[in-house]
Amino acid sequence: MSAVFLTRASAAWLLLAALTLSSWVLGTSQGSGDGHAVASLTIICVAAFKIRLVGLYFMELRDAPGVLRWIFEGYCVVLTTLLGVMYLVH
């Protein structure tokens, strides 16, 4: 049973849970004050990192062929950049 708690997937899951909680706290504590733009961009980056974790550890892209993994990594970078720019332009 202890082997279940020592896997990379379980560590990724715990990190996903912690990131979800931290982004929720960050989003609810900022409100409409001065730091809401920074908080929103941080939440976008955290969400993109969570997408990356899910892809690498639960969709097994970590062990996929290099081209497939780099396409996924590029998708994460492009998505984060596009969402950040869209937020700033809005």
C-alpha atoms as a PDB file:
ATOM      1  CA  MET A   1       0.000   0.000   0.000  1.00  0.00           C
ATOM      2  CA  SER A   2       2.854   2.412   0.719  1.00  0.00           C
ATOM      3  CA  ALA A   3       4.105   2.016  -2.875  1.00  0.00           C
ATOM      4  CA  VAL A   4       0.976   3.841  -4.061  1.00  0.00           C
ATOM      5  CA  PHE A   5       1.947   6.958  -2.149  1.00  0.00           C
ATOM      6  CA  LEU A   6       5.507   7.016  -3.475  1.00  0.00           C
ATOM      7  CA  THR A   7       4.740   7.195  -7.202  1.00  0.00           C
ATOM      8  CA  ARG A   8       5.285  10.235  -9.388  1.00  0.00           C
ATOM      9  CA  ALA A   9       1.599  10.258 -10.280  1.00  0.00           C
ATOM     10  CA  SER A  10       0.563  10.551  -6.638  1.00  0.00           C
ATOM     11  CA  ALA A  11       3.071  13.373  -6.114  1.00  0.00           C
ATOM     12  CA  ALA A  12       1.667  15.092  -9.209  1.00  0.00           C
ATOM     13  CA  TRP A  13      -1.845  14.655  -7.868  1.00  0.00           C
ATOM     14  CA  LEU A  14      -0.894  16.222  -4.538  1.00  0.00           C
ATOM     15  CA  LEU A  15       0.760  19.107  -6.384  1.00  0.00           C
ATOM     16  CA  LEU A  16      -2.361  19.555  -8.527  1.00  0.00           C
ATOM     17  CA  ALA A  17      -4.508  19.714  -5.402  1.00  0.00           C
ATOM     18  CA  ALA A  18      -2.179  22.241  -3.764  1.00  0.00           C
ATOM     19  CA  LEU A  19      -2.090  24.390  -6.912  1.00  0.00           C
ATOM     20  CA  THR A  20      -5.881  24.305  -7.147  1.00  0.00           C
ATOM     21  CA  LEU A  21      -6.200  25.437  -3.558  1.00  0.00           C
ATOM     22  CA  SER A  22      -3.584  28.171  -3.937  1.00  0.00           C
ATOM     23  CA  SER A  23      -5.145  29.553  -7.121  1.00  0.00           C
ATOM     24  CA  TRP A  24      -8.557  29.557  -5.443  1.00  0.00           C
ATOM     25  CA  VAL A  25      -7.163  31.471  -2.452  1.00  0.00           C
ATOM     26  CA  LEU A  26      -5.362  33.898  -4.755  1.00  0.00           C
ATOM     27  CA  GLY A  27      -8.478  34.463  -6.840  1.00  0.00           C
ATOM     28  CA  THR A  28     -10.816  35.039  -3.926  1.00  0.00           C
ATOM     29  CA  SER A  29      -8.455  37.215  -1.914  1.00  0.00           C
ATOM     30  CA  GLN A  30      -7.646  39.734  -4.660  1.00  0.00           C
ATOM     31  CA  GLY A  31     -11.165  40.813  -5.541  1.00  0.00           C
ATOM     32  CA  SER A  32     -11.119  43.986  -7.612  1.00  0.00           C
ATOM     33  CA  GLY A  33      -8.160  45.682  -5.934  1.00  0.00           C
ATOM     34  CA  ASP A  34      -4.907  46.836  -7.464  1.00  0.00           C
ATOM     35  CA  GLY A  35      -3.303  43.403  -7.722  1.00  0.00           C
ATOM     36  CA  HIS A  36      -6.092  41.690  -9.624  1.00  0.00           C
ATOM     37  CA  ALA A  37      -4.249  41.751 -12.972  1.00  0.00           C
ATOM     38  CA  VAL A  38      -1.169  40.091 -11.490  1.00  0.00           C
ATOM     39  CA  ALA A  39      -3.367  37.575  -9.663  1.00  0.00           C
ATOM     40  CA  SER A  40      -5.283  36.767 -12.844  1.00  0.00           C
ATOM     41  CA  LEU A  41      -2.126  36.256 -14.885  1.00  0.00           C
ATOM     42  CA  THR A  42      -0.698  34.087 -12.116  1.00  0.00           C
ATOM     43  CA  ILE A  43      -3.849  31.962 -12.110  1.00  0.00           C
ATOM     44  CA  ILE A  44      -3.591  31.563 -15.900  1.00  0.00           C
ATOM     45  CA  CYS A  45       0.014  30.380 -15.538  1.00  0.00           C
ATOM     46  CA  VAL A  46      -0.920  27.983 -12.741  1.00  0.00           C
ATOM     47  CA  ALA A  47      -3.753  26.566 -14.865  1.00  0.00           C
ATOM     48  CA  ALA A  48      -1.385  26.003 -17.797  1.00  0.00           C
ATOM     49  CA  PHE A  49       1.113  24.283 -15.501  1.00  0.00           C
ATOM     50  CA  LYS A  50      -1.693  22.055 -14.220  1.00  0.00           C
ATOM     51  CA  ILE A  51      -2.590  21.144 -17.817  1.00  0.00           C
ATOM     52  CA  ARG A  52       1.049  20.216 -18.349  1.00  0.00           C
ATOM     53  CA  LEU A  53       1.103  18.035 -15.225  1.00  0.00           C
ATOM     54  CA  VAL A  54      -2.051  16.206 -16.268  1.00  0.00           C
ATOM     55  CA  GLY A  55      -0.667  15.620 -19.748  1.00  0.00           C
ATOM     56  CA  LEU A  56       2.710  14.395 -18.566  1.00  0.00           C
ATOM     57  CA  TYR A  57       1.692  12.207 -15.648  1.00  0.00           C
ATOM     58  CA  PHE A  58      -1.867  11.057 -16.301  1.00  0.00           C
ATOM     59  CA  MET A  59      -1.921  10.947 -20.110  1.00  0.00           C
ATOM     60  CA  GLU A  60       1.582   9.441 -20.139  1.00  0.00           C
ATOM     61  CA  LEU A  61       3.057  12.071 -22.446  1.00  0.00           C
ATOM     62  CA  ARG A  62       6.201  12.018 -20.330  1.00  0.00           C
ATOM     63  CA  ASP A  63       7.152   8.724 -21.978  1.00  0.00           C
ATOM     64  CA  ALA A  64       5.707   9.552 -25.411  1.00  0.00           C
ATOM     65  CA  PRO A  65       7.870   9.993 -28.509  1.00  0.00           C
ATOM     66  CA  GLY A  66       9.781  13.273 -28.517  1.00  0.00           C
ATOM     67  CA  VAL A  67       7.773  14.897 -31.295  1.00  0.00           C
ATOM     68  CA  LEU A  68       4.458  14.277 -29.562  1.00  0.00           C
ATOM     69  CA  ARG A  69       5.776  15.562 -26.266  1.00  0.00           C
ATOM     70  CA  TRP A  70       7.214  18.719 -27.854  1.00  0.00           C
ATOM     71  CA  ILE A  71       3.921  19.377 -29.619  1.00  0.00           C
ATOM     72  CA  PHE A  72       2.166  19.156 -26.260  1.00  0.00           C
ATOM     73  CA  GLU A  73       4.762  21.367 -24.552  1.00  0.00           C
ATOM     74  CA  GLY A  74       4.434  23.898 -27.371  1.00  0.00           C
ATOM     75  CA  TYR A  75       0.662  23.799 -27.018  1.00  0.00           C
ATOM     76  CA  CYS A  76       0.997  24.643 -23.321  1.00  0.00           C
ATOM     77  CA  VAL A  77       3.313  27.580 -24.059  1.00  0.00           C
ATOM     78  CA  VAL A  78       1.154  28.935 -26.896  1.00  0.00           C
ATOM     79  CA  LEU A  79      -2.023  28.552 -24.832  1.00  0.00           C
ATOM     80  CA  THR A  80      -0.529  30.380 -21.850  1.00  0.00           C
ATOM     81  CA  THR A  81       0.834  33.183 -24.017  1.00  0.00           C
ATOM     82  CA  LEU A  82      -2.402  33.578 -25.959  1.00  0.00           C
ATOM     83  CA  LEU A  83      -4.569  33.655 -22.831  1.00  0.00           C
ATOM     84  CA  GLY A  84      -2.222  36.126 -21.140  1.00  0.00           C
ATOM     85  CA  VAL A  85      -2.211  38.454 -24.146  1.00  0.00           C
ATOM     86  CA  MET A  86      -5.979  38.193 -24.509  1.00  0.00           C
ATOM     87  CA  TYR A  87      -6.415  39.076 -20.851  1.00  0.00           C
ATOM     88  CA  LEU A  88      -4.077  42.062 -21.077  1.00  0.00           C
ATOM     89  CA  VAL A  89      -5.659  43.395 -24.287  1.00  0.00           C
ATOM     90  CA  HIS A  90      -9.175  43.043 -22.945  1.00  0.00           C
END
